[in-house]
Full PDB file with SEQRES, HELIX, SHEET, SSBOND, CRYST1, ORIGX, SCALE, CONECT and MASTER records, all heavy atoms in Angstrom:
SEQRES   1 A   37  MET ASP LEU LYS VAL VAL VAL ASP ASP ASN ARG ILE ASN          
SEQRES   2 A   37  ALA ILE SER LEU ASP ASN LEU ASP GLU THR ALA ALA THR          
SEQRES   3 A   37  MET TYR PRO LEU MET GLN PRO ALA LEU ASP LYS                  
HELIX    1 AA1 GLU A   22  MET A   27  1                                   6    
HELIX    2 AA2 MET A   31  ASP A   36  1                                   6    
SHEET    1 AA1 2 ASP A   2  VAL A   7  0                                        
SHEET    2 AA1 2 ILE A  12  ASP A  18 -1                                        
CRYST1    1.000    1.000    1.000  90.00  90.00  90.00 P 1           1          
ORIGX1      1.000000  0.000000  0.000000        0.00000                         
ORIGX2      0.000000  1.000000  0.000000        0.00000                         
ORIGX3      0.000000  0.000000  1.000000        0.00000                         
SCALE1      1.000000  0.000000  0.000000        0.00000                         
SCALE2      0.000000  1.000000  0.000000        0.00000                         
SCALE3      0.000000  0.000000  1.000000        0.00000                         
ATOM      1  N   MET A   1      -7.209   5.274  -4.321  1.00  0.00           N  
ATOM      2  CA  MET A   1      -6.383   4.065  -4.248  1.00  0.00           C  
ATOM      3  C   MET A   1      -6.870   3.250  -3.067  1.00  0.00           C  
ATOM      4  O   MET A   1      -7.472   3.786  -2.132  1.00  0.00           O  
ATOM      5  CB  MET A   1      -4.901   4.412  -4.142  1.00  0.00           C  
ATOM      6  CG  MET A   1      -4.523   5.259  -2.962  1.00  0.00           C  
ATOM      7  SD  MET A   1      -2.900   5.989  -3.105  1.00  0.00           S  
ATOM      8  CE  MET A   1      -3.303   7.491  -3.976  1.00  0.00           C  
ATOM      9  N   ASP A   2      -6.642   1.976  -3.121  1.00  0.00           N  
ATOM     10  CA  ASP A   2      -7.063   1.077  -2.056  1.00  0.00           C  
ATOM     11  C   ASP A   2      -5.856   0.562  -1.309  1.00  0.00           C  
ATOM     12  O   ASP A   2      -4.855   0.188  -1.917  1.00  0.00           O  
ATOM     13  CB  ASP A   2      -7.842  -0.109  -2.626  1.00  0.00           C  
ATOM     14  CG  ASP A   2      -9.174   0.304  -3.213  1.00  0.00           C  
ATOM     15  OD1 ASP A   2      -9.756   1.269  -2.694  1.00  0.00           O  
ATOM     16  OD2 ASP A   2      -9.618  -0.330  -4.183  1.00  0.00           O  
ATOM     17  N   LEU A   3      -5.969   0.543   0.003  1.00  0.00           N  
ATOM     18  CA  LEU A   3      -4.937  -0.053   0.838  1.00  0.00           C  
ATOM     19  C   LEU A   3      -5.454  -1.426   1.253  1.00  0.00           C  
ATOM     20  O   LEU A   3      -6.543  -1.536   1.813  1.00  0.00           O  
ATOM     21  CB  LEU A   3      -4.666   0.807   2.065  1.00  0.00           C  
ATOM     22  CG  LEU A   3      -3.503   0.296   2.891  1.00  0.00           C  
ATOM     23  CD1 LEU A   3      -2.418   1.344   2.917  1.00  0.00           C  
ATOM     24  CD2 LEU A   3      -3.942  -0.051   4.260  1.00  0.00           C  
ATOM     25  N   LYS A   4      -4.710  -2.456   0.961  1.00  0.00           N  
ATOM     26  CA  LYS A   4      -5.138  -3.830   1.219  1.00  0.00           C  
ATOM     27  C   LYS A   4      -4.326  -4.406   2.370  1.00  0.00           C  
ATOM     28  O   LYS A   4      -3.097  -4.321   2.379  1.00  0.00           O  
ATOM     29  CB  LYS A   4      -4.927  -4.666  -0.052  1.00  0.00           C  
ATOM     30  CG  LYS A   4      -5.359  -6.100   0.077  1.00  0.00           C  
ATOM     31  CD  LYS A   4      -5.324  -6.831  -1.260  1.00  0.00           C  
ATOM     32  CE  LYS A   4      -3.921  -7.008  -1.757  1.00  0.00           C  
ATOM     33  NZ  LYS A   4      -3.820  -7.879  -2.934  1.00  0.00           N  
ATOM     34  N   VAL A   5      -5.039  -4.999   3.345  1.00  0.00           N  
ATOM     35  CA  VAL A   5      -4.409  -5.630   4.497  1.00  0.00           C  
ATOM     36  C   VAL A   5      -4.847  -7.091   4.516  1.00  0.00           C  
ATOM     37  O   VAL A   5      -6.043  -7.378   4.511  1.00  0.00           O  
ATOM     38  CB  VAL A   5      -4.804  -4.931   5.818  1.00  0.00           C  
ATOM     39  CG1 VAL A   5      -4.171  -5.627   7.008  1.00  0.00           C  
ATOM     40  CG2 VAL A   5      -4.418  -3.469   5.787  1.00  0.00           C  
ATOM     41  N   VAL A   6      -3.867  -8.002   4.536  1.00  0.00           N  
ATOM     42  CA  VAL A   6      -4.143  -9.431   4.581  1.00  0.00           C  
ATOM     43  C   VAL A   6      -3.812  -9.932   5.988  1.00  0.00           C  
ATOM     44  O   VAL A   6      -2.695  -9.734   6.472  1.00  0.00           O  
ATOM     45  CB  VAL A   6      -3.298 -10.197   3.530  1.00  0.00           C  
ATOM     46  CG1 VAL A   6      -3.595 -11.688   3.590  1.00  0.00           C  
ATOM     47  CG2 VAL A   6      -3.545  -9.647   2.141  1.00  0.00           C  
ATOM     48  N   VAL A   7      -4.817 -10.562   6.626  1.00  0.00           N  
ATOM     49  CA  VAL A   7      -4.628 -11.063   7.991  1.00  0.00           C  
ATOM     50  C   VAL A   7      -5.087 -12.510   8.075  1.00  0.00           C  
ATOM     51  O   VAL A   7      -5.896 -12.972   7.287  1.00  0.00           O  
ATOM     52  CB  VAL A   7      -5.413 -10.222   9.029  1.00  0.00           C  
ATOM     53  CG1 VAL A   7      -4.921  -8.808   9.081  1.00  0.00           C  
ATOM     54  CG2 VAL A   7      -6.899 -10.252   8.757  1.00  0.00           C  
ATOM     55  N   ASP A   8      -4.515 -13.237   9.041  1.00  0.00           N  
ATOM     56  CA  ASP A   8      -5.073 -14.530   9.436  1.00  0.00           C  
ATOM     57  C   ASP A   8      -5.546 -14.375  10.877  1.00  0.00           C  
ATOM     58  O   ASP A   8      -5.688 -13.257  11.362  1.00  0.00           O  
ATOM     59  CB  ASP A   8      -4.089 -15.688   9.217  1.00  0.00           C  
ATOM     60  CG  ASP A   8      -2.809 -15.562  10.026  1.00  0.00           C  
ATOM     61  OD1 ASP A   8      -2.758 -14.731  10.943  1.00  0.00           O  
ATOM     62  OD2 ASP A   8      -1.870 -16.319   9.763  1.00  0.00           O  
ATOM     63  N   ASP A   9      -5.788 -15.449  11.577  1.00  0.00           N  
ATOM     64  CA  ASP A   9      -6.413 -15.368  12.897  1.00  0.00           C  
ATOM     65  C   ASP A   9      -5.674 -14.468  13.883  1.00  0.00           C  
ATOM     66  O   ASP A   9      -6.293 -13.762  14.661  1.00  0.00           O  
ATOM     67  CB  ASP A   9      -6.540 -16.766  13.515  1.00  0.00           C  
ATOM     68  CG  ASP A   9      -7.523 -17.620  12.747  1.00  0.00           C  
ATOM     69  OD1 ASP A   9      -8.304 -17.060  11.965  1.00  0.00           O  
ATOM     70  OD2 ASP A   9      -7.500 -18.847  12.922  1.00  0.00           O  
ATOM     71  N   ASN A  10      -4.351 -14.499  13.888  1.00  0.00           N  
ATOM     72  CA  ASN A  10      -3.588 -13.763  14.894  1.00  0.00           C  
ATOM     73  C   ASN A  10      -2.495 -12.871  14.332  1.00  0.00           C  
ATOM     74  O   ASN A  10      -1.745 -12.287  15.101  1.00  0.00           O  
ATOM     75  CB  ASN A  10      -2.942 -14.754  15.874  1.00  0.00           C  
ATOM     76  CG  ASN A  10      -3.965 -15.507  16.661  1.00  0.00           C  
ATOM     77  OD1 ASN A  10      -4.956 -14.951  17.084  1.00  0.00           O  
ATOM     78  ND2 ASN A  10      -3.744 -16.788  16.840  1.00  0.00           N  
ATOM     79  N   ARG A  11      -2.364 -12.791  13.011  1.00  0.00           N  
ATOM     80  CA  ARG A  11      -1.236 -12.060  12.453  1.00  0.00           C  
ATOM     81  C   ARG A  11      -1.653 -11.165  11.298  1.00  0.00           C  
ATOM     82  O   ARG A  11      -2.557 -11.495  10.544  1.00  0.00           O  
ATOM     83  CB  ARG A  11      -0.166 -13.025  11.948  1.00  0.00           C  
ATOM     84  CG  ARG A  11       0.503 -13.802  13.067  1.00  0.00           C  
ATOM     85  CD  ARG A  11       1.782 -14.474  12.646  1.00  0.00           C  
ATOM     86  NE  ARG A  11       2.744 -13.639  11.973  1.00  0.00           N  
ATOM     87  CZ  ARG A  11       3.595 -12.793  12.564  1.00  0.00           C  
ATOM     88  NH1 ARG A  11       3.559 -12.657  13.858  1.00  0.00           N  
ATOM     89  NH2 ARG A  11       4.454 -12.116  11.874  1.00  0.00           N  
ATOM     90  N   ILE A  12      -0.927 -10.066  11.175  1.00  0.00           N  
ATOM     91  CA  ILE A  12      -1.037  -9.206  10.003  1.00  0.00           C  
ATOM     92  C   ILE A  12       0.038  -9.694   9.043  1.00  0.00           C  
ATOM     93  O   ILE A  12       1.231  -9.652   9.353  1.00  0.00           O  
ATOM     94  CB  ILE A  12      -0.799  -7.731  10.382  1.00  0.00           C  
ATOM     95  CG1 ILE A  12      -1.812  -7.297  11.442  1.00  0.00           C  
ATOM     96  CG2 ILE A  12      -0.857  -6.850   9.149  1.00  0.00           C  
ATOM     97  CD1 ILE A  12      -1.498  -5.974  12.097  1.00  0.00           C  
ATOM     98  N   ASN A  13      -0.376 -10.200   7.893  1.00  0.00           N  
ATOM     99  CA  ASN A  13       0.569 -10.839   6.983  1.00  0.00           C  
ATOM    100  C   ASN A  13       1.080  -9.929   5.882  1.00  0.00           C  
ATOM    101  O   ASN A  13       2.230 -10.043   5.478  1.00  0.00           O  
ATOM    102  CB  ASN A  13      -0.067 -12.084   6.359  1.00  0.00           C  
ATOM    103  CG  ASN A  13      -0.310 -13.157   7.391  1.00  0.00           C  
ATOM    104  OD1 ASN A  13       0.449 -13.304   8.336  1.00  0.00           O  
ATOM    105  ND2 ASN A  13      -1.382 -13.895   7.232  1.00  0.00           N  
ATOM    106  N   ALA A  14       0.233  -9.049   5.345  1.00  0.00           N  
ATOM    107  CA  ALA A  14       0.656  -8.215   4.217  1.00  0.00           C  
ATOM    108  C   ALA A  14      -0.135  -6.920   4.205  1.00  0.00           C  
ATOM    109  O   ALA A  14      -1.313  -6.883   4.557  1.00  0.00           O  
ATOM    110  CB  ALA A  14       0.455  -8.958   2.904  1.00  0.00           C  
ATOM    111  N   ILE A  15       0.551  -5.855   3.780  1.00  0.00           N  
ATOM    112  CA  ILE A  15      -0.070  -4.550   3.601  1.00  0.00           C  
ATOM    113  C   ILE A  15       0.431  -4.018   2.266  1.00  0.00           C  
ATOM    114  O   ILE A  15       1.644  -3.973   2.034  1.00  0.00           O  
ATOM    115  CB  ILE A  15       0.304  -3.572   4.736  1.00  0.00           C  
ATOM    116  CG1 ILE A  15      -0.131  -4.134   6.082  1.00  0.00           C  
ATOM    117  CG2 ILE A  15      -0.312  -2.208   4.487  1.00  0.00           C  
ATOM    118  CD1 ILE A  15       0.381  -3.347   7.280  1.00  0.00           C  
ATOM    119  N   SER A  16      -0.484  -3.623   1.392  1.00  0.00           N  
ATOM    120  CA  SER A  16      -0.063  -3.128   0.081  1.00  0.00           C  
ATOM    121  C   SER A  16      -1.063  -2.120  -0.451  1.00  0.00           C  
ATOM    122  O   SER A  16      -2.205  -2.049   0.004  1.00  0.00           O  
ATOM    123  CB  SER A  16       0.077  -4.291  -0.908  1.00  0.00           C  
ATOM    124  OG  SER A  16      -1.179  -4.921  -1.093  1.00  0.00           O  
ATOM    125  N   LEU A  17      -0.610  -1.328  -1.440  1.00  0.00           N  
ATOM    126  CA  LEU A  17      -1.476  -0.375  -2.121  1.00  0.00           C  
ATOM    127  C   LEU A  17      -1.960  -0.999  -3.419  1.00  0.00           C  
ATOM    128  O   LEU A  17      -1.162  -1.522  -4.202  1.00  0.00           O  
ATOM    129  CB  LEU A  17      -0.714   0.914  -2.432  1.00  0.00           C  
ATOM    130  CG  LEU A  17      -0.527   1.889  -1.287  1.00  0.00           C  
ATOM    131  CD1 LEU A  17       0.392   3.027  -1.692  1.00  0.00           C  
ATOM    132  CD2 LEU A  17      -1.865   2.453  -0.844  1.00  0.00           C  
ATOM    133  N   ASP A  18      -3.258  -0.930  -3.664  1.00  0.00           N  
ATOM    134  CA  ASP A  18      -3.842  -1.401  -4.910  1.00  0.00           C  
ATOM    135  C   ASP A  18      -4.406  -0.202  -5.670  1.00  0.00           C  
ATOM    136  O   ASP A  18      -4.744   0.822  -5.072  1.00  0.00           O  
ATOM    137  CB  ASP A  18      -4.963  -2.405  -4.639  1.00  0.00           C  
ATOM    138  CG  ASP A  18      -4.423  -3.784  -4.305  1.00  0.00           C  
ATOM    139  OD1 ASP A  18      -3.207  -3.991  -4.432  1.00  0.00           O  
ATOM    140  OD2 ASP A  18      -5.231  -4.638  -3.901  1.00  0.00           O  
ATOM    141  N   ASN A  19      -4.518  -0.339  -6.950  1.00  0.00           N  
ATOM    142  CA  ASN A  19      -5.070   0.702  -7.822  1.00  0.00           C  
ATOM    143  C   ASN A  19      -4.269   2.001  -7.756  1.00  0.00           C  
ATOM    144  O   ASN A  19      -4.826   3.085  -7.844  1.00  0.00           O  
ATOM    145  CB  ASN A  19      -6.539   0.992  -7.493  1.00  0.00           C  
ATOM    146  CG  ASN A  19      -7.402  -0.232  -7.596  1.00  0.00           C  
ATOM    147  OD1 ASN A  19      -7.117  -1.133  -8.367  1.00  0.00           O  
ATOM    148  ND2 ASN A  19      -8.452  -0.272  -6.798  1.00  0.00           N  
ATOM    149  N   LEU A  20      -2.990   1.873  -7.576  1.00  0.00           N  
ATOM    150  CA  LEU A  20      -2.115   3.053  -7.561  1.00  0.00           C  
ATOM    151  C   LEU A  20      -1.622   3.248  -8.993  1.00  0.00           C  
ATOM    152  O   LEU A  20      -0.696   2.578  -9.435  1.00  0.00           O  
ATOM    153  CB  LEU A  20      -0.941   2.844  -6.596  1.00  0.00           C  
ATOM    154  CG  LEU A  20       0.042   4.002  -6.453  1.00  0.00           C  
ATOM    155  CD1 LEU A  20      -0.643   5.209  -5.834  1.00  0.00           C  
ATOM    156  CD2 LEU A  20       1.232   3.594  -5.606  1.00  0.00           C  
ATOM    157  N   ASP A  21      -2.274   4.156  -9.712  1.00  0.00           N  
ATOM    158  CA  ASP A  21      -1.881   4.360 -11.107  1.00  0.00           C  
ATOM    159  C   ASP A  21      -0.619   5.210 -11.199  1.00  0.00           C  
ATOM    160  O   ASP A  21      -0.138   5.752 -10.209  1.00  0.00           O  
ATOM    161  CB  ASP A  21      -3.030   4.969 -11.908  1.00  0.00           C  
ATOM    162  CG  ASP A  21      -3.489   6.319 -11.360  1.00  0.00           C  
ATOM    163  OD1 ASP A  21      -2.910   6.772 -10.359  1.00  0.00           O  
ATOM    164  OD2 ASP A  21      -4.419   6.907 -11.934  1.00  0.00           O  
ATOM    165  N   GLU A  22      -0.086   5.329 -12.409  1.00  0.00           N  
ATOM    166  CA  GLU A  22       1.184   6.051 -12.598  1.00  0.00           C  
ATOM    167  C   GLU A  22       1.066   7.516 -12.236  1.00  0.00           C  
ATOM    168  O   GLU A  22       2.003   8.115 -11.714  1.00  0.00           O  
ATOM    169  CB  GLU A  22       1.646   5.899 -14.049  1.00  0.00           C  
ATOM    170  CG  GLU A  22       2.112   4.511 -14.383  1.00  0.00           C  
ATOM    171  CD  GLU A  22       2.606   4.413 -15.830  1.00  0.00           C  
ATOM    172  OE1 GLU A  22       3.043   5.439 -16.388  1.00  0.00           O  
ATOM    173  OE2 GLU A  22       2.562   3.310 -16.364  1.00  0.00           O  
ATOM    174  N   THR A  23      -0.072   8.116 -12.518  1.00  0.00           N  
ATOM    175  CA  THR A  23      -0.255   9.533 -12.209  1.00  0.00           C  
ATOM    176  C   THR A  23      -0.184   9.761 -10.699  1.00  0.00           C  
ATOM    177  O   THR A  23       0.503  10.677 -10.239  1.00  0.00           O  
ATOM    178  CB  THR A  23      -1.618  10.020 -12.745  1.00  0.00           C  
ATOM    179  OG1 THR A  23      -1.720   9.692 -14.129  1.00  0.00           O  
ATOM    180  CG2 THR A  23      -1.773  11.503 -12.563  1.00  0.00           C  
ATOM    181  N   ALA A  24      -0.882   8.934  -9.941  1.00  0.00           N  
ATOM    182  CA  ALA A  24      -0.868   9.080  -8.483  1.00  0.00           C  
ATOM    183  C   ALA A  24       0.516   8.764  -7.928  1.00  0.00           C  
ATOM    184  O   ALA A  24       0.983   9.428  -6.999  1.00  0.00           O  
ATOM    185  CB  ALA A  24      -1.911   8.168  -7.859  1.00  0.00           C  
ATOM    186  N   ALA A  25       1.190   7.767  -8.494  1.00  0.00           N  
ATOM    187  CA  ALA A  25       2.541   7.425  -8.036  1.00  0.00           C  
ATOM    188  C   ALA A  25       3.511   8.564  -8.327  1.00  0.00           C  
ATOM    189  O   ALA A  25       4.438   8.819  -7.542  1.00  0.00           O  
ATOM    190  CB  ALA A  25       3.015   6.142  -8.705  1.00  0.00           C  
ATOM    191  N   THR A  26       3.305   9.269  -9.441  1.00  0.00           N  
ATOM    192  CA  THR A  26       4.165  10.400  -9.781  1.00  0.00           C  
ATOM    193  C   THR A  26       3.866  11.593  -8.889  1.00  0.00           C  
ATOM    194  O   THR A  26       4.783  12.294  -8.450  1.00  0.00           O  
ATOM    195  CB  THR A  26       3.974  10.787 -11.263  1.00  0.00           C  
ATOM    196  OG1 THR A  26       4.219   9.633 -12.069  1.00  0.00           O  
ATOM    197  CG2 THR A  26       4.909  11.900 -11.665  1.00  0.00           C  
ATOM    198  N   MET A  27       2.576  11.824  -8.611  1.00  0.00           N  
ATOM    199  CA  MET A  27       2.201  12.978  -7.791  1.00  0.00           C  
ATOM    200  C   MET A  27       2.540  12.765  -6.313  1.00  0.00           C  
ATOM    201  O   MET A  27       2.794  13.731  -5.596  1.00  0.00           O  
ATOM    202  CB  MET A  27       0.706  13.261  -7.941  1.00  0.00           C  
ATOM    203  CG  MET A  27       0.343  13.822  -9.300  1.00  0.00           C  
ATOM    204  SD  MET A  27      -1.395  14.222  -9.421  1.00  0.00           S  
ATOM    205  CE  MET A  27      -1.559  15.518  -8.217  1.00  0.00           C  
ATOM    206  N   TYR A  28       2.516  11.523  -5.885  1.00  0.00           N  
ATOM    207  CA  TYR A  28       2.802  11.204  -4.482  1.00  0.00           C  
ATOM    208  C   TYR A  28       3.931  10.184  -4.417  1.00  0.00           C  
ATOM    209  O   TYR A  28       3.715   9.010  -4.117  1.00  0.00           O  
ATOM    210  CB  TYR A  28       1.550  10.663  -3.792  1.00  0.00           C  
ATOM    211  CG  TYR A  28       0.386  11.604  -3.902  1.00  0.00           C  
ATOM    212  CD1 TYR A  28      -0.651  11.352  -4.794  1.00  0.00           C  
ATOM    213  CD2 TYR A  28       0.334  12.752  -3.127  1.00  0.00           C  
ATOM    214  CE1 TYR A  28      -1.721  12.227  -4.906  1.00  0.00           C  
ATOM    215  CE2 TYR A  28      -0.724  13.625  -3.233  1.00  0.00           C  
ATOM    216  CZ  TYR A  28      -1.748  13.366  -4.130  1.00  0.00           C  
ATOM    217  OH  TYR A  28      -2.795  14.234  -4.239  1.00  0.00           O  
ATOM    218  N   PRO A  29       5.163  10.629  -4.657  1.00  0.00           N  
ATOM    219  CA  PRO A  29       6.280   9.677  -4.704  1.00  0.00           C  
ATOM    220  C   PRO A  29       6.640   9.073  -3.346  1.00  0.00           C  
ATOM    221  O   PRO A  29       7.297   8.043  -3.286  1.00  0.00           O  
ATOM    222  CB  PRO A  29       7.434  10.508  -5.260  1.00  0.00           C  
ATOM    223  CG  PRO A  29       7.105  11.913  -4.885  1.00  0.00           C  
ATOM    224  CD  PRO A  29       5.605  12.005  -4.915  1.00  0.00           C  
ATOM    225  N   LEU A  30       6.213   9.703  -2.256  1.00  0.00           N  
ATOM    226  CA  LEU A  30       6.547   9.187  -0.925  1.00  0.00           C  
ATOM    227  C   LEU A  30       5.549   8.154  -0.426  1.00  0.00           C  
ATOM    228  O   LEU A  30       5.743   7.571   0.645  1.00  0.00           O  
ATOM    229  CB  LEU A  30       6.623  10.346   0.073  1.00  0.00           C  
ATOM    230  CG  LEU A  30       7.710  11.392  -0.193  1.00  0.00           C  
ATOM    231  CD1 LEU A  30       7.622  12.491   0.847  1.00  0.00           C  
ATOM    232  CD2 LEU A  30       9.077  10.755  -0.188  1.00  0.00           C  
ATOM    233  N   MET A  31       4.489   7.916  -1.180  1.00  0.00           N  
ATOM    234  CA  MET A  31       3.441   7.009  -0.728  1.00  0.00           C  
ATOM    235  C   MET A  31       3.970   5.585  -0.514  1.00  0.00           C  
ATOM    236  O   MET A  31       3.793   5.006   0.547  1.00  0.00           O  
ATOM    237  CB  MET A  31       2.288   7.008  -1.736  1.00  0.00           C  
ATOM    238  CG  MET A  31       1.075   6.267  -1.282  1.00  0.00           C  
ATOM    239  SD  MET A  31       0.215   7.033   0.092  1.00  0.00           S  
ATOM    240  CE  MET A  31      -0.550   8.415  -0.701  1.00  0.00           C  
ATOM    241  N   GLN A  32       4.614   5.021  -1.505  1.00  0.00           N  
ATOM    242  CA  GLN A  32       5.088   3.641  -1.399  1.00  0.00           C  
ATOM    243  C   GLN A  32       6.243   3.488  -0.399  1.00  0.00           C  
ATOM    244  O   GLN A  32       6.220   2.569   0.425  1.00  0.00           O  
ATOM    245  CB  GLN A  32       5.490   3.100  -2.773  1.00  0.00           C  
ATOM    246  CG  GLN A  32       5.763   1.610  -2.792  1.00  0.00           C  
ATOM    247  CD  GLN A  32       4.546   0.785  -2.402  1.00  0.00           C  
ATOM    248  OE1 GLN A  32       3.446   1.024  -2.880  1.00  0.00           O  
ATOM    249  NE2 GLN A  32       4.736  -0.189  -1.522  1.00  0.00           N  
ATOM    250  N   PRO A  33       7.259   4.367  -0.413  1.00  0.00           N  
ATOM    251  CA  PRO A  33       8.316   4.229   0.607  1.00  0.00           C  
ATOM    252  C   PRO A  33       7.794   4.399   2.042  1.00  0.00           C  
ATOM    253  O   PRO A  33       8.240   3.697   2.949  1.00  0.00           O  
ATOM    254  CB  PRO A  33       9.313   5.343   0.265  1.00  0.00           C  
ATOM    255  CG  PRO A  33       9.069   5.660  -1.158  1.00  0.00           C  
ATOM    256  CD  PRO A  33       7.617   5.388  -1.400  1.00  0.00           C  
ATOM    257  N   ALA A  34       6.844   5.321   2.240  1.00  0.00           N  
ATOM    258  CA  ALA A  34       6.273   5.503   3.578  1.00  0.00           C  
ATOM    259  C   ALA A  34       5.510   4.251   3.998  1.00  0.00           C  
ATOM    260  O   ALA A  34       5.605   3.802   5.144  1.00  0.00           O  
ATOM    261  CB  ALA A  34       5.359   6.717   3.605  1.00  0.00           C  
ATOM    262  N   LEU A  35       4.767   3.657   3.061  1.00  0.00           N  
ATOM    263  CA  LEU A  35       4.030   2.433   3.372  1.00  0.00           C  
ATOM    264  C   LEU A  35       4.984   1.291   3.698  1.00  0.00           C  
ATOM    265  O   LEU A  35       4.728   0.501   4.608  1.00  0.00           O  
ATOM    266  CB  LEU A  35       3.112   2.039   2.214  1.00  0.00           C  
ATOM    267  CG  LEU A  35       2.292   0.779   2.451  1.00  0.00           C  
ATOM    268  CD1 LEU A  35       1.293   0.994   3.578  1.00  0.00           C  
ATOM    269  CD2 LEU A  35       1.601   0.339   1.192  1.00  0.00           C  
ATOM    270  N   ASP A  36       6.098   1.203   2.987  1.00  0.00           N  
ATOM    271  CA  ASP A  36       7.072   0.147   3.259  1.00  0.00           C  
ATOM    272  C   ASP A  36       7.639   0.259   4.674  1.00  0.00           C  
ATOM    273  O   ASP A  36       7.761  -0.743   5.387  1.00  0.00           O  
ATOM    274  CB  ASP A  36       8.207   0.185   2.233  1.00  0.00           C  
ATOM    275  CG  ASP A  36       7.743  -0.206   0.837  1.00  0.00           C  
ATOM    276  OD1 ASP A  36       6.673  -0.845   0.717  1.00  0.00           O  
ATOM    277  OD2 ASP A  36       8.449   0.142  -0.134  1.00  0.00           O  
ATOM    278  N   LYS A  37       7.978   1.491   5.104  1.00  0.00           N  
ATOM    279  CA  LYS A  37       8.524   1.688   6.453  1.00  0.00           C  
ATOM    280  C   LYS A  37       7.482   1.389   7.535  1.00  0.00           C  
ATOM    281  O   LYS A  37       7.780   0.743   8.538  1.00  0.00           O  
ATOM    282  CB  LYS A  37       9.042   3.118   6.613  1.00  0.00           C  
ATOM    283  CG  LYS A  37      10.306   3.392   5.837  1.00  0.00           C  
ATOM    284  CD  LYS A  37      10.785   4.811   6.031  1.00  0.00           C  
ATOM    285  CE  LYS A  37      12.028   5.075   5.200  1.00  0.00           C  
ATOM    286  NZ  LYS A  37      12.481   6.454   5.323  1.00  0.00           N  
TER     287      LYS A  37                                                      
MASTER        0    0    0    2    2    0    0    6  286    1    0    3          
END                                                                             
């Protein structure tokens, strides 16, 4: 899976997981909530 970070000159604007398929989301249910926190 890919972790995507969007930045501009001085700020971190967005952090998200890409290519997280259903199998990986089922096997690692804490991945998205941990990333959100």
